[in-house]
Amino acid sequence: MTQRFAPEAAAINEGIARSGRDADALRYLPIQGRKGVVWTVLLDARTAQPVGFVPLDSF
């Protein structure tokens, strides 16, 4: 994800660190809310449980 969204690498790395998991153990899911608000949810790759959020439009 940091390669695809290199300008946002700092925010992505911060979200990964807060999740307490290695980047390889995560997947991401873009979420769009009302009024155009977009975030990216970090998911545990094994359980698909949300473990963090990043203020990033990853669509």
PDB file of N, CA and C in Angstrom:
ATOM      1  N   MET A   1       0.814  -1.181   0.000  1.00  0.00           N
ATOM      2  CA  MET A   1       0.000   0.000   0.000  1.00  0.00           C
ATOM      3  C   MET A   1       0.869   1.261   0.000  1.00  0.00           C
ATOM      4  N   THR A   2       1.985   1.234   0.692  1.00  0.00           N
ATOM      5  CA  THR A   2       2.855   2.408   0.711  1.00  0.00           C
ATOM      6  C   THR A   2       3.490   2.663  -0.652  1.00  0.00           C
ATOM      7  N   GLN A   3       3.650   1.621  -1.459  1.00  0.00           N
ATOM      8  CA  GLN A   3       4.194   1.818  -2.805  1.00  0.00           C
ATOM      9  C   GLN A   3       3.159   2.471  -3.706  1.00  0.00           C
ATOM     10  N   ARG A   4       1.921   2.028  -3.595  1.00  0.00           N
ATOM     11  CA  ARG A   4       0.854   2.558  -4.440  1.00  0.00           C
ATOM     12  C   ARG A   4       0.511   4.001  -4.073  1.00  0.00           C
ATOM     13  N   PHE A   5       0.567   4.307  -2.796  1.00  0.00           N
ATOM     14  CA  PHE A   5       0.213   5.642  -2.310  1.00  0.00           C
ATOM     15  C   PHE A   5       1.415   6.284  -1.618  1.00  0.00           C
ATOM     16  N   ALA A   6       2.527   6.356  -2.321  1.00  0.00           N
ATOM     17  CA  ALA A   6       3.796   6.846  -1.754  1.00  0.00           C
ATOM     18  C   ALA A   6       3.696   8.222  -1.085  1.00  0.00           C
ATOM     19  N   PRO A   7       2.955   9.184  -1.642  1.00  0.00           N
ATOM     20  CA  PRO A   7       2.880  10.486  -0.968  1.00  0.00           C
ATOM     21  C   PRO A   7       2.240  10.419   0.422  1.00  0.00           C
ATOM     22  N   GLU A   8       1.471   9.389   0.684  1.00  0.00           N
ATOM     23  CA  GLU A   8       0.788   9.237   1.971  1.00  0.00           C
ATOM     24  C   GLU A   8       1.465   8.201   2.861  1.00  0.00           C
ATOM     25  N   ALA A   9       2.691   7.848   2.551  1.00  0.00           N
ATOM     26  CA  ALA A   9       3.392   6.773   3.266  1.00  0.00           C
ATOM     27  C   ALA A   9       3.480   7.022   4.765  1.00  0.00           C
ATOM     28  N   ALA A  10       3.682   8.261   5.185  1.00  0.00           N
ATOM     29  CA  ALA A  10       3.801   8.552   6.624  1.00  0.00           C
ATOM     30  C   ALA A  10       2.507   8.219   7.357  1.00  0.00           C
ATOM     31  N   ALA A  11       1.368   8.627   6.808  1.00  0.00           N
ATOM     32  CA  ALA A  11       0.074   8.332   7.437  1.00  0.00           C
ATOM     33  C   ALA A  11      -0.205   6.835   7.427  1.00  0.00           C
ATOM     34  N   ILE A  12       0.148   6.173   6.342  1.00  0.00           N
ATOM     35  CA  ILE A  12      -0.056   4.726   6.241  1.00  0.00           C
ATOM     36  C   ILE A  12       0.796   4.003   7.273  1.00  0.00           C
ATOM     37  N   ASN A  13       2.062   4.368   7.360  1.00  0.00           N
ATOM     38  CA  ASN A  13       2.952   3.719   8.327  1.00  0.00           C
ATOM     39  C   ASN A  13       2.500   3.961   9.760  1.00  0.00           C
ATOM     40  N   GLU A  14       1.970   5.139  10.038  1.00  0.00           N
ATOM     41  CA  GLU A  14       1.446   5.431  11.373  1.00  0.00           C
ATOM     42  C   GLU A  14       0.246   4.536  11.687  1.00  0.00           C
ATOM     43  N   GLY A  15      -0.660   4.372  10.723  1.00  0.00           N
ATOM     44  CA  GLY A  15      -1.814   3.494  10.912  1.00  0.00           C
ATOM     45  C   GLY A  15      -1.402   2.051  11.115  1.00  0.00           C
ATOM     46  N   ILE A  16      -0.416   1.601  10.359  1.00  0.00           N
ATOM     47  CA  ILE A  16       0.096   0.237  10.509  1.00  0.00           C
ATOM     48  C   ILE A  16       0.701   0.060  11.892  1.00  0.00           C
ATOM     49  N   ALA A  17       1.486   1.026  12.336  1.00  0.00           N
ATOM     50  CA  ALA A  17       2.112   0.940  13.661  1.00  0.00           C
ATOM     51  C   ALA A  17       1.057   0.899  14.764  1.00  0.00           C
ATOM     52  N   ARG A  18       0.029   1.724  14.650  1.00  0.00           N
ATOM     53  CA  ARG A  18      -1.040   1.733  15.661  1.00  0.00           C
ATOM     54  C   ARG A  18      -1.813   0.424  15.689  1.00  0.00           C
ATOM     55  N   SER A  19      -1.856  -0.293  14.554  1.00  0.00           N
ATOM     56  CA  SER A  19      -2.593  -1.562  14.511  1.00  0.00           C
ATOM     57  C   SER A  19      -1.898  -2.645  15.321  1.00  0.00           C
ATOM     58  N   GLY A  20      -0.581  -2.502  15.519  1.00  0.00           N
ATOM     59  CA  GLY A  20       0.174  -3.503  16.264  1.00  0.00           C
ATOM     60  C   GLY A  20       0.500  -4.746  15.454  1.00  0.00           C
ATOM     61  N   ARG A  21       0.340  -4.665  14.140  1.00  0.00           N
ATOM     62  CA  ARG A  21       0.609  -5.809  13.271  1.00  0.00           C
ATOM     63  C   ARG A  21       1.635  -5.433  12.211  1.00  0.00           C
ATOM     64  N   ASP A  22       2.246  -6.446  11.632  1.00  0.00           N
ATOM     65  CA  ASP A  22       3.155  -6.219  10.511  1.00  0.00           C
ATOM     66  C   ASP A  22       2.339  -5.862   9.273  1.00  0.00           C
ATOM     67  N   ALA A  23       2.918  -5.083   8.384  1.00  0.00           N
ATOM     68  CA  ALA A  23       2.226  -4.691   7.160  1.00  0.00           C
ATOM     69  C   ALA A  23       1.807  -5.903   6.333  1.00  0.00           C
ATOM     70  N   ASP A  24       2.612  -6.965   6.346  1.00  0.00           N
ATOM     71  CA  ASP A  24       2.282  -8.173   5.580  1.00  0.00           C
ATOM     72  C   ASP A  24       1.061  -8.899   6.129  1.00  0.00           C
ATOM     73  N   ALA A  25       0.684  -8.615   7.371  1.00  0.00           N
ATOM     74  CA  ALA A  25      -0.459  -9.278   8.008  1.00  0.00           C
ATOM     75  C   ALA A  25      -1.736  -8.464   7.846  1.00  0.00           C
ATOM     76  N   LEU A  26      -1.684  -7.412   7.030  1.00  0.00           N
ATOM     77  CA  LEU A  26      -2.832  -6.528   6.861  1.00  0.00           C
ATOM     78  C   LEU A  26      -3.307  -6.478   5.418  1.00  0.00           C
ATOM     79  N   ARG A  27      -4.584  -6.186   5.275  1.00  0.00           N
ATOM     80  CA  ARG A  27      -5.185  -5.866   3.982  1.00  0.00           C
ATOM     81  C   ARG A  27      -5.900  -4.539   4.169  1.00  0.00           C
ATOM     82  N   TYR A  28      -6.286  -3.891   3.079  1.00  0.00           N
ATOM     83  CA  TYR A  28      -6.983  -2.616   3.240  1.00  0.00           C
ATOM     84  C   TYR A  28      -8.279  -2.587   2.450  1.00  0.00           C
ATOM     85  N   LEU A  29      -9.206  -1.766   2.949  1.00  0.00           N
ATOM     86  CA  LEU A  29     -10.521  -1.634   2.337  1.00  0.00           C
ATOM     87  C   LEU A  29     -10.901  -0.155   2.328  1.00  0.00           C
ATOM     88  N   PRO A  30     -11.085   0.435   1.144  1.00  0.00           N
ATOM     89  CA  PRO A  30     -11.521   1.833   1.103  1.00  0.00           C
ATOM     90  C   PRO A  30     -12.998   1.938   1.503  1.00  0.00           C
ATOM     91  N   ILE A  31     -13.305   2.957   2.281  1.00  0.00           N
ATOM     92  CA  ILE A  31     -14.672   3.185   2.745  1.00  0.00           C
ATOM     93  C   ILE A  31     -15.044   4.630   2.442  1.00  0.00           C
ATOM     94  N   GLN A  32     -16.218   4.827   1.833  1.00  0.00           N
ATOM     95  CA  GLN A  32     -16.685   6.184   1.576  1.00  0.00           C
ATOM     96  C   GLN A  32     -17.941   6.428   2.389  1.00  0.00           C
ATOM     97  N   GLY A  33     -17.903   7.479   3.173  1.00  0.00           N
ATOM     98  CA  GLY A  33     -19.050   7.862   3.988  1.00  0.00           C
ATOM     99  C   GLY A  33     -19.870   8.928   3.298  1.00  0.00           C
ATOM    100  N   ARG A  34     -20.830   9.410   4.034  1.00  0.00           N
ATOM    101  CA  ARG A  34     -21.651  10.489   3.503  1.00  0.00           C
ATOM    102  C   ARG A  34     -20.821  11.752   3.336  1.00  0.00           C
ATOM    103  N   LYS A  35     -21.265  12.597   2.490  1.00  0.00           N
ATOM    104  CA  LYS A  35     -20.624  13.886   2.237  1.00  0.00           C
ATOM    105  C   LYS A  35     -19.202  13.752   1.713  1.00  0.00           C
ATOM    106  N   GLY A  36     -18.897  12.640   1.054  1.00  0.00           N
ATOM    107  CA  GLY A  36     -17.614  12.477   0.391  1.00  0.00           C
ATOM    108  C   GLY A  36     -16.426  12.155   1.274  1.00  0.00           C
ATOM    109  N   VAL A  37     -16.675  11.838   2.539  1.00  0.00           N
ATOM    110  CA  VAL A  37     -15.581  11.491   3.446  1.00  0.00           C
ATOM    111  C   VAL A  37     -15.069  10.096   3.094  1.00  0.00           C
ATOM    112  N   VAL A  38     -13.753   9.971   2.871  1.00  0.00           N
ATOM    113  CA  VAL A  38     -13.167   8.686   2.478  1.00  0.00           C
ATOM    114  C   VAL A  38     -12.054   8.322   3.457  1.00  0.00           C
ATOM    115  N   TRP A  39     -12.084   7.079   3.935  1.00  0.00           N
ATOM    116  CA  TRP A  39     -11.056   6.538   4.818  1.00  0.00           C
ATOM    117  C   TRP A  39     -10.662   5.177   4.287  1.00  0.00           C
ATOM    118  N   THR A  40      -9.571   4.655   4.795  1.00  0.00           N
ATOM    119  CA  THR A  40      -9.151   3.299   4.479  1.00  0.00           C
ATOM    120  C   THR A  40      -9.097   2.516   5.778  1.00  0.00           C
ATOM    121  N   VAL A  41      -9.774   1.376   5.779  1.00  0.00           N
ATOM    122  CA  VAL A  41      -9.788   0.501   6.951  1.00  0.00           C
ATOM    123  C   VAL A  41      -8.675  -0.523   6.787  1.00  0.00           C
ATOM    124  N   LEU A  42      -7.888  -0.714   7.829  1.00  0.00           N
ATOM    125  CA  LEU A  42      -6.866  -1.759   7.839  1.00  0.00           C
ATOM    126  C   LEU A  42      -7.480  -3.003   8.453  1.00  0.00           C
ATOM    127  N   LEU A  43      -7.392  -4.119   7.743  1.00  0.00           N
ATOM    128  CA  LEU A  43      -7.996  -5.379   8.176  1.00  0.00           C
ATOM    129  C   LEU A  43      -6.927  -6.415   8.472  1.00  0.00           C
ATOM    130  N   ASP A  44      -7.166  -7.225   9.494  1.00  0.00           N
ATOM    131  CA  ASP A  44      -6.308  -8.376   9.767  1.00  0.00           C
ATOM    132  C   ASP A  44      -6.486  -9.352   8.605  1.00  0.00           C
ATOM    133  N   ALA A  45      -5.414  -9.771   7.982  1.00  0.00           N
ATOM    134  CA  ALA A  45      -5.484 -10.624   6.789  1.00  0.00           C
ATOM    135  C   ALA A  45      -6.091 -11.993   7.078  1.00  0.00           C
ATOM    136  N   ARG A  46      -5.939 -12.504   8.289  1.00  0.00           N
ATOM    137  CA  ARG A  46      -6.487 -13.830   8.616  1.00  0.00           C
ATOM    138  C   ARG A  46      -7.949 -13.781   9.012  1.00  0.00           C
ATOM    139  N   THR A  47      -8.332 -12.775   9.798  1.00  0.00           N
ATOM    140  CA  THR A  47      -9.678 -12.753  10.366  1.00  0.00           C
ATOM    141  C   THR A  47     -10.612 -11.755   9.705  1.00  0.00           C
ATOM    142  N   ALA A  48     -10.072 -10.840   8.929  1.00  0.00           N
ATOM    143  CA  ALA A  48     -10.823  -9.750   8.290  1.00  0.00           C
ATOM    144  C   ALA A  48     -11.411  -8.780   9.314  1.00  0.00           C
ATOM    145  N   GLN A  49     -10.924  -8.815  10.543  1.00  0.00           N
ATOM    146  CA  GLN A  49     -11.367  -7.874  11.563  1.00  0.00           C
ATOM    147  C   GLN A  49     -10.675  -6.528  11.349  1.00  0.00           C
ATOM    148  N   PRO A  50     -11.410  -5.427  11.499  1.00  0.00           N
ATOM    149  CA  PRO A  50     -10.770  -4.122  11.386  1.00  0.00           C
ATOM    150  C   PRO A  50      -9.811  -3.897  12.554  1.00  0.00           C
ATOM    151  N   VAL A  51      -8.613  -3.433  12.244  1.00  0.00           N
ATOM    152  CA  VAL A  51      -7.607  -3.200  13.285  1.00  0.00           C
ATOM    153  C   VAL A  51      -7.054  -1.779  13.245  1.00  0.00           C
ATOM    154  N   GLY A  52      -7.482  -0.979  12.266  1.00  0.00           N
ATOM    155  CA  GLY A  52      -7.011   0.392  12.194  1.00  0.00           C
ATOM    156  C   GLY A  52      -7.651   1.152  11.051  1.00  0.00           C
ATOM    157  N   PHE A  53      -7.398   2.449  11.048  1.00  0.00           N
ATOM    158  CA  PHE A  53      -7.942   3.332  10.026  1.00  0.00           C
ATOM    159  C   PHE A  53      -6.862   4.307   9.589  1.00  0.00           C
ATOM    160  N   VAL A  54      -6.926   4.699   8.323  1.00  0.00           N
ATOM    161  CA  VAL A  54      -5.996   5.689   7.776  1.00  0.00           C
ATOM    162  C   VAL A  54      -6.832   6.706   6.995  1.00  0.00           C
ATOM    163  N   PRO A  55      -6.614   8.008   7.212  1.00  0.00           N
ATOM    164  CA  PRO A  55      -7.363   9.017   6.453  1.00  0.00           C
ATOM    165  C   PRO A  55      -6.824   9.126   5.026  1.00  0.00           C
ATOM    166  N   LEU A  56      -7.194   8.156   4.198  1.00  0.00           N
ATOM    167  CA  LEU A  56      -6.634   8.032   2.853  1.00  0.00           C
ATOM    168  C   LEU A  56      -7.708   7.564   1.883  1.00  0.00           C
ATOM    169  N   ASP A  57      -7.780   8.205   0.727  1.00  0.00           N
ATOM    170  CA  ASP A  57      -8.664   7.751  -0.345  1.00  0.00           C
ATOM    171  C   ASP A  57      -7.908   6.702  -1.155  1.00  0.00           C
ATOM    172  N   SER A  58      -8.156   5.428  -0.874  1.00  0.00           N
ATOM    173  CA  SER A  58      -7.425   4.345  -1.548  1.00  0.00           C
ATOM    174  C   SER A  58      -8.220   3.706  -2.682  1.00  0.00           C
ATOM    175  N   PHE A  59      -9.254   4.405  -3.160  1.00  0.00           N
ATOM    176  CA  PHE A  59     -10.018   3.878  -4.290  1.00  0.00           C
ATOM    177  C   PHE A  59      -9.182   3.888  -5.537  1.00  0.00           C
TER     178      PHE A  59
END
